[in-house]
Protein backbone atom coordinates (compact mmCIF):
# COMPACT_ATOMS: atom_id res chain seq x y z
CA MET A 1 95.81 145.92 59.59
CA ALA A 2 96.95 144.28 62.33
CA GLN A 3 100.06 145.06 64.36
CA GLU A 4 103.22 143.07 64.58
CA LYS A 5 103.94 141.42 68.64
CA GLU A 6 106.58 142.95 70.33
CA GLY A 7 109.38 140.34 70.30
CA ASN A 8 108.06 138.46 67.65
CA ILE A 9 109.22 137.99 63.62
CA MET A 10 106.10 136.22 62.63
CA THR A 11 105.36 139.10 61.13
CA ILE A 12 102.88 141.38 59.37
CA HIS A 13 104.53 142.98 55.55
CA PRO A 14 103.79 146.98 55.88
CA LYS A 15 103.28 146.99 52.24
CA GLN A 16 101.10 144.49 51.78
CA ALA A 17 98.06 146.83 51.96
CA LYS A 18 99.26 148.38 48.47
CA TRP A 19 99.61 145.03 47.14
CA LYS A 20 97.32 144.25 43.74
CA ARG A 21 95.82 140.84 43.60
CA ASN A 22 93.91 138.34 43.36
CA ILE A 23 95.45 135.75 46.05
CA GLU A 24 96.18 138.38 48.73
CA TRP A 25 99.57 136.75 50.46
CA ALA A 26 101.46 136.27 47.58
CA GLN A 27 102.32 138.70 44.42
CA VAL A 28 103.25 135.99 42.26
CA SER A 29 101.61 132.78 40.59
CA TRP A 30 103.89 130.28 39.51
CA ASN A 31 102.06 128.17 37.54
CA TRP A 32 104.56 125.24 35.70
CA MET A 33 102.46 122.81 35.74
CA SER A 34 98.52 123.02 36.33
CA GLY A 35 96.05 120.55 36.65
CA CYS A 36 94.39 117.84 39.28
CA ASP A 37 93.32 114.48 39.47
CA GLY A 38 91.01 115.24 42.60
CA VAL A 39 91.35 113.14 45.70
CA ASP A 40 90.29 109.63 45.40
CA GLY A 41 89.51 110.39 41.58
CA VAL A 42 86.53 113.09 42.59
CA HIS A 43 87.77 117.21 42.09
CA CYS A 44 86.68 119.10 45.38
CA LYS A 45 83.33 121.33 44.81
CA GLY A 46 83.19 124.90 43.17
CA CYS A 47 87.09 123.75 42.16
CA TYR A 48 88.25 127.77 40.64
CA ALA A 49 91.33 126.05 39.56
CA LYS A 50 89.35 124.35 37.62
CA VAL A 51 87.08 126.50 36.50
CA MET A 52 89.91 128.57 35.24
CA ALA A 53 90.96 125.87 33.13
CA ILE A 54 88.22 124.91 31.53
CA ARG A 55 87.96 129.15 30.35
CA VAL A 56 91.09 128.94 28.92
CA ARG A 57 91.64 125.03 27.55
CA GLY A 58 93.38 125.01 24.32
CA ARG A 59 95.35 128.24 24.95
CA PHE A 60 98.12 128.40 27.13
CA GLY A 61 98.98 124.88 27.71
CA TYR A 62 96.02 123.89 28.90
CA PRO A 63 94.70 120.82 26.94
CA LYS A 64 91.66 121.67 24.73
CA ASP A 65 90.29 117.86 25.49
CA ASP A 66 90.71 117.52 29.41
CA PRO A 67 91.58 121.06 30.17
CA PHE A 68 92.26 120.16 33.70
CA ARG A 69 94.62 117.29 33.51
CA VAL A 70 97.96 117.45 35.02
CA VAL A 71 100.42 118.89 32.31
CA LEU A 72 103.83 120.97 32.84
CA HIS A 73 104.10 124.04 31.32
CA PRO A 74 107.55 124.15 30.10
CA ASP A 75 107.64 127.90 29.73
CA LYS A 76 106.79 129.08 32.89
CA LEU A 77 109.08 126.33 34.83
CA TRP A 78 111.78 127.80 33.02
CA GLY A 79 111.54 130.63 31.63
CA TYR A 80 113.93 130.56 28.71
CA GLN A 81 114.73 128.96 25.69
CA PRO A 82 114.54 125.35 25.41
CA SER A 83 118.60 124.61 24.50
CA TYR A 84 118.57 123.47 27.60
CA LEU A 85 116.18 121.44 28.61
CA PRO A 86 116.38 118.16 30.09
CA ALA A 87 115.79 115.41 27.30
CA TRP A 88 112.73 113.88 29.49
CA THR A 89 111.00 116.94 28.83
CA LYS A 90 109.40 116.56 24.44
CA GLN A 91 105.72 118.27 25.24
CA GLN A 92 107.04 121.88 25.29
CA THR A 93 103.91 124.13 24.46
CA PRO A 94 104.62 127.23 23.05
CA MET A 95 103.33 130.82 24.55
CA ILE A 96 100.65 132.79 22.58
CA ASN A 97 103.29 135.46 21.38
CA GLY A 98 105.85 132.76 20.20
CA PRO A 99 108.14 130.11 21.99
CA PHE A 100 109.28 130.61 24.94
CA VAL A 101 109.95 134.01 25.17
CA LYS A 102 111.45 135.36 28.31
CA TRP A 103 108.39 135.13 31.16
CA PRO A 104 109.79 138.53 33.10
CA LYS A 105 108.08 137.14 36.51
CA HIS A 106 110.15 133.88 36.74
CA PRO A 107 111.69 133.00 39.93
CA MET A 108 114.95 133.90 37.68
CA VAL A 109 114.44 136.93 36.38
CA ARG A 110 112.45 138.94 38.49
CA LYS A 111 114.79 141.24 40.32
CA LYS A 112 112.89 142.33 43.64
CA PRO A 113 112.33 139.51 46.25
CA SER A 114 109.33 138.22 46.30
CA VAL A 115 106.59 135.92 47.14
CA PHE A 116 105.06 132.77 44.22
CA PHE A 117 102.32 131.24 44.74
CA SER A 118 103.85 127.29 43.27
CA VAL A 119 101.17 125.85 41.22
CA SER A 120 97.95 127.96 42.09
CA GLN A 121 96.28 126.28 39.15
CA GLY A 122 96.09 122.09 40.48
CA ASP A 123 98.70 120.27 42.82
CA TRP A 124 101.84 120.01 42.50
CA LEU A 125 102.11 116.42 44.26
CA TYR A 126 100.72 115.21 40.91
CA ALA A 127 103.18 116.83 38.72
CA GLU A 128 105.91 114.48 37.76
CA SER A 129 109.08 113.79 39.78
CA ASN A 130 110.93 115.14 36.95
CA TRP A 131 108.79 118.16 37.34
CA ARG A 132 109.17 118.75 41.21
CA ARG A 133 112.60 117.82 41.25
CA GLU A 134 113.87 121.08 39.00
CA ALA A 135 111.09 123.05 40.27
CA LEU A 136 112.53 122.70 43.65
CA ARG A 137 115.62 123.27 41.93
CA ILE A 138 114.77 126.89 41.18
CA MET A 139 113.65 127.62 44.36
CA GLU A 140 116.77 126.65 46.03
CA ALA A 141 118.37 128.10 43.84
CA CYS A 142 116.30 131.68 45.01
CA PRO A 143 116.86 132.17 48.29
CA GLN A 144 115.61 136.18 47.91
CA HIS A 145 112.34 134.97 46.89
CA ILE A 146 109.84 132.27 49.20
CA PHE A 147 107.73 129.63 47.91
CA VAL A 148 103.76 128.66 49.11
CA THR A 149 102.94 125.79 48.34
CA LEU A 150 99.26 123.95 49.14
CA THR A 151 98.45 120.23 48.48
CA LYS A 152 95.02 118.03 49.36
CA GLN A 153 97.63 114.50 48.86
CA TYR A 154 98.32 114.16 52.13
CA ASP A 155 100.18 110.60 51.47
CA ARG A 156 102.41 112.01 48.68
CA LEU A 157 104.03 115.06 51.26
CA GLY A 158 106.55 112.88 51.83
CA ARG A 159 107.73 113.40 47.64
CA ILE A 160 108.48 116.68 48.58
CA HIS A 161 111.66 116.12 50.47
CA VAL A 162 113.00 113.26 48.40
CA ASP A 163 113.04 115.33 45.01
CA SER A 164 114.41 118.46 47.37
CA PRO A 165 117.92 119.31 46.15
CA LEU A 166 120.79 116.77 47.84
CA THR A 167 122.74 118.15 50.35
CA GLU A 168 125.43 115.55 51.17
CA GLY A 169 126.43 112.25 49.55
CA VAL A 170 128.80 109.33 49.13
CA GLY A 171 129.52 106.72 46.06
CA ILE A 172 125.83 106.84 44.14
CA VAL A 173 123.96 106.47 47.59
CA PRO A 174 122.26 109.60 48.16
CA LEU A 175 122.24 110.10 51.96
CA SER A 176 120.65 114.04 52.90
CA TYR A 177 118.03 116.21 51.17
CA LYS A 178 117.10 118.55 52.17
CA ILE A 179 113.51 120.69 51.80
CA PRO A 180 114.95 124.60 50.68
CA ARG A 181 114.42 126.86 53.82
CA ASN A 182 112.23 129.53 51.57
CA VAL A 183 109.94 126.83 50.52
CA ILE A 184 106.43 126.53 52.68
CA VAL A 185 104.89 123.69 52.54
CA GLY A 186 101.46 123.27 52.84
CA ILE A 187 98.53 121.61 52.82
CA SER A 188 94.64 122.32 52.47
CA VAL A 189 92.03 121.29 55.16
CA THR A 190 88.30 122.13 55.00
CA LYS A 191 86.67 119.15 56.90
CA LYS A 192 87.01 117.07 59.91
CA ASN A 193 87.45 113.87 57.57
CA GLN A 194 90.44 115.58 56.65
CA VAL A 195 92.27 116.80 59.38
CA HIS A 196 94.21 113.66 59.83
CA GLY A 197 96.52 115.51 57.43
CA ILE A 198 97.98 117.64 59.59
CA ASP A 199 99.65 114.38 61.15
CA GLU A 200 101.11 113.62 57.85
CA LEU A 201 102.17 117.38 57.48
CA ARG A 202 103.54 117.21 60.70
CA LYS A 203 106.30 114.88 59.57
CA VAL A 204 107.43 117.17 56.28
CA PRO A 205 110.73 118.60 57.28
CA ALA A 206 109.94 121.92 56.29
CA LEU A 207 111.20 125.58 58.09
CA VAL A 208 107.12 126.35 57.85
CA ARG A 209 103.98 124.40 57.36
CA LEU A 210 100.85 125.79 56.65
CA VAL A 211 97.80 125.05 57.28
CA CYS A 212 94.99 126.41 54.94
CA PHE A 213 91.11 127.01 56.23
CA GLU A 214 89.83 127.76 52.24
CA PRO A 215 87.04 127.07 52.27
CA LEU A 216 86.32 126.52 55.78
CA LEU A 217 82.92 123.90 55.18
CA GLU A 218 82.89 122.98 59.17
CA ASP A 219 83.97 123.47 62.74
CA VAL A 220 87.07 121.54 63.11
CA SER A 221 88.79 123.41 65.82
CA GLU A 222 88.07 120.75 68.42
CA ASP A 223 89.75 117.96 66.01
CA VAL A 224 92.95 120.26 65.02
CA ASP A 225 96.10 119.68 66.92
CA LEU A 226 98.55 122.64 65.71
CA ASN A 227 102.03 122.15 67.18
CA GLY A 228 104.83 122.04 64.48
CA ILE A 229 102.65 124.27 62.34
CA GLY A 230 104.18 127.65 61.19
CA TRP A 231 101.16 129.40 59.41
CA ILE A 232 97.24 129.25 59.37
CA ILE A 233 94.94 130.58 56.80
CA ILE A 234 91.33 131.15 56.65
CA GLY A 235 89.09 131.37 54.02
CA LYS A 236 85.27 131.04 52.83
CA ARG A 237 84.07 129.77 49.61
CA THR A 238 83.38 131.94 46.69
CA LYS A 239 80.71 131.67 44.58
CA GLN A 240 81.65 129.16 41.34
CA HIS A 241 79.25 129.14 38.54
CA ARG A 242 76.28 126.27 40.00
CA THR A 243 78.21 126.06 43.38
CA PRO A 244 77.02 128.41 46.54
CA ALA A 245 79.38 130.86 48.50
CA PHE A 246 79.65 129.05 52.21
CA ILE A 247 80.82 131.26 54.85
CA PRO A 248 82.03 129.91 58.28
CA GLU A 249 80.62 130.78 61.39
CA LYS A 250 82.19 133.36 63.06
CA ALA A 251 82.56 131.16 66.52
CA TRP A 252 84.76 128.32 64.56
CA ILE A 253 87.16 130.98 63.21
CA ASP A 254 87.58 132.15 66.85
CA ALA A 255 88.38 128.92 68.50
CA LEU A 256 91.14 128.40 65.26
CA ILE A 257 92.54 131.46 66.21
CA ALA A 258 92.92 131.11 69.72
CA LYS A 259 94.77 127.77 68.94
CA ALA A 260 97.24 129.83 67.17
CA ARG A 261 97.83 132.32 69.57
CA GLU A 262 98.29 129.90 72.71
CA LEU A 263 101.15 128.43 69.63
CA ASP A 264 101.93 131.82 68.43
CA ILE A 265 100.94 130.89 64.71
CA PRO A 266 100.23 133.82 62.59
CA VAL A 267 96.82 134.02 61.67
CA PHE A 268 95.66 134.92 57.87
CA LEU A 269 92.24 135.80 57.31
CA LYS A 270 90.89 136.21 53.19
CA PRO A 271 89.40 139.61 52.99
CA ASN A 272 86.89 137.84 51.27
CA LEU A 273 85.49 136.75 54.82
CA PRO A 274 82.81 139.41 56.66
CA LYS A 275 84.43 142.24 58.66
CA TRP A 276 83.91 140.40 62.24
CA TYR A 277 86.83 142.18 63.69
CA PRO A 278 87.75 146.06 64.26
CA GLU A 279 91.38 145.61 61.70
CA PRO A 280 92.15 142.76 59.31
CA ILE A 281 94.28 139.29 60.65
CA GLU A 282 96.63 139.56 57.90
CA GLU A 283 99.53 137.36 59.79
CA THR A 284 102.18 135.96 57.61
CA PRO A 285 105.86 134.13 58.12
CA TYR A 286 107.33 135.81 55.81
CA ASP A 287 110.08 138.14 57.79
CA TYR A 288 110.51 135.03 60.16
CA ILE A 289 111.72 133.23 56.71
CA ARG A 290 114.18 135.96 55.39
CA ALA A 291 115.72 136.25 58.84
CA THR A 292 116.49 132.43 59.20
CA ILE A 293 117.95 132.59 56.12
CA HIS A 294 119.85 135.84 56.44
CA ALA A 295 121.28 134.41 59.60
CA GLU A 296 122.43 131.38 57.66
CA GLU A 297 124.11 133.27 54.69
CA PRO A 298 123.61 136.65 54.95
CA ARG A 299 124.18 137.83 51.31
CA LEU A 300 121.30 135.49 49.89
CA VAL A 301 118.64 137.28 50.79
CA GLN A 302 120.24 140.81 49.49
CA GLY A 303 118.23 140.67 45.97
CA ARG A 304 118.72 138.83 42.59
CA LEU A 305 121.52 136.72 43.04
CA GLY A 306 121.03 135.85 38.76
CA PHE A 307 122.61 132.69 38.50
CA PRO A 308 119.21 131.59 36.02
CA ILE A 309 120.94 128.44 34.17
CA PHE A 310 123.35 125.29 34.68
CA PRO A 311 126.45 124.96 32.69
CA LYS A 312 126.87 122.20 30.53
CA PHE A 313 128.98 119.46 31.43
CA ARG A 314 130.80 116.55 30.27
CA TYR A 315 133.24 113.45 31.52
CA VAL A 316 136.83 113.78 30.33
CA ASP A 317 138.87 110.52 30.59
CA PRO A 318 141.85 110.86 27.52
CA GLU A 319 143.40 107.50 29.39
CA GLY A 320 140.22 105.55 29.29
CA GLU A 321 141.27 104.44 33.23
CA GLY A 322 138.34 106.09 34.76
CA ILE A 323 139.78 108.71 36.29
CA GLY A 324 139.06 111.47 34.76
CA ASP A 325 137.39 115.12 35.34
CA LEU A 326 134.36 116.33 34.55
CA GLU A 327 134.57 119.96 32.22
CA PHE A 328 131.74 122.56 32.61
CA THR A 329 131.83 124.87 29.68
CA CYS A 330 129.38 127.56 28.99
CA ARG A 331 126.48 127.89 27.16
CA GLU A 332 126.59 130.45 25.60
CA CYS A 333 130.48 130.67 24.29
CA GLY A 334 131.65 127.34 24.95
CA HIS A 335 134.24 128.47 26.85
CA VAL A 336 135.63 125.77 30.01
CA ILE A 337 134.44 127.50 32.87
CA LYS A 338 135.48 125.21 35.11
CA ARG A 339 136.90 121.23 36.17
CA GLU A 340 136.13 119.17 39.12
CA SER A 341 137.91 115.61 39.79
CA ALA A 342 135.43 112.63 39.34
CA ASN A 343 135.86 108.91 38.85
CA ILE A 344 133.70 105.72 36.87
CA ASP A 345 132.96 103.40 39.36
CA ASP A 346 132.92 99.23 37.54
CA SER A 347 128.96 100.03 36.99
CA GLY A 348 129.47 103.53 34.74
CA TRP A 349 128.39 105.69 37.65
CA ALA A 350 130.23 108.81 37.37
CA LEU A 351 130.92 110.22 40.97
CA PRO A 352 131.44 114.20 41.15
CA LEU A 353 133.16 115.55 43.92
CA ILE A 354 131.70 118.90 43.48
CA ARG A 355 129.99 120.86 46.33
CA PRO A 356 126.08 122.02 45.35
CA ALA A 357 124.65 125.12 44.90
CA GLU A 358 128.35 126.45 43.57
CA ARG A 359 128.08 129.24 42.25
CA THR A 360 130.15 131.01 39.15
CA VAL A 361 130.39 132.96 36.30
CA CYS A 362 132.63 132.58 32.87
CA ARG A 363 135.06 134.77 32.39
CA ASN A 364 134.86 134.94 28.33
CA CYS A 365 131.28 136.16 28.10
CA GLN A 366 130.48 136.71 31.77
CA THR A 367 127.38 134.76 32.26
CA LYS A 368 126.26 133.58 35.11
CA TYR A 369 125.44 129.75 36.26
CA ARG A 370 124.86 127.58 38.96
CA LEU A 371 126.82 124.40 39.62
CA TYR A 372 124.85 122.07 40.76
CA VAL A 373 125.67 118.47 39.88
CA ASP A 374 123.56 116.41 42.73
CA ILE A 375 122.62 113.68 40.30
CA TYR A 376 124.87 110.56 40.20
CA PHE A 377 124.34 109.90 36.22
CA LYS A 378 126.27 107.59 33.76
CA LYS A 379 128.71 108.22 31.65
CA GLU A 380 126.90 108.63 28.80
CA ASP A 381 123.96 110.71 30.53
CA GLU A 382 125.98 113.77 29.80
CA ALA A 383 124.21 117.09 29.88
């Protein structure tokens, strides 16, 4: 195991060697959607996610006719009974042991601070904006966890920022979206013709940006600029049915490591590579992320927050003058949790005056909630 550098909180996990998993740098795979349309309609050669989807076709929410089609897995996205699911999702897929059994590894349920690989069975930028927006809300609501994402859709990276939770706004025009600090935005780069994706990644306002050179199929070291990148992963292509394994040359990897060392970027070499180095190089930015979040709001990273769902809300205007309240009620007992002033403008939009990410508890049944009204909704579009 590589040693931690002095004066550097970028980190090696002391317990990392004990993790039992297929993805060495994560503890949980959170596949709230699956599938990929492929870059320019062509899937990557030897894609393990496609092979896995074909293996489980017709089960666990994977379509039987086209198992790698982009689909939502509502049971994994919310992990609870669907009584409070948004109205836009109708394709609810039952789990194998019954409809919507609580998933114990859901970010809102899992107590231990963990590292989640968000969507290992597809490309999350092919997901509908509603799906991605809900997933990012859950990520933002769980700052004790870290979420790693990967994509090859470089031209769609800007959608992550737009779909992130709103931090401030005036009227019906949102002013600022913010990618959660615990979300690592990453891209996959395997060949020289994909290096331009790093320039697009640098435009994303994320705390940590990841470039995953797995599988590394060509020597890209001369073309790569790692400025603004917070982490790199390097690995080989494993054998997938008729697709043979491919091991990159050691000189290619040495050149990438040298560039990363110049910029003090953590490097993670997948164990599937030959043992070319005296000790495994398995550096991660997880401690840096946790330290940053802890500095901003110390209590957020102490453990499970436990605010799993959002309360119901409706607009209350007894006088019919367009000046009323947003009334939040408990989904379990119907008790009124809170009221906030809200006005209806001439176009029928409600303008809630509530801070995003506010946490509260129902005084009647002690159910915990997050008051997260960052959408300016029509009067008739009540939750």
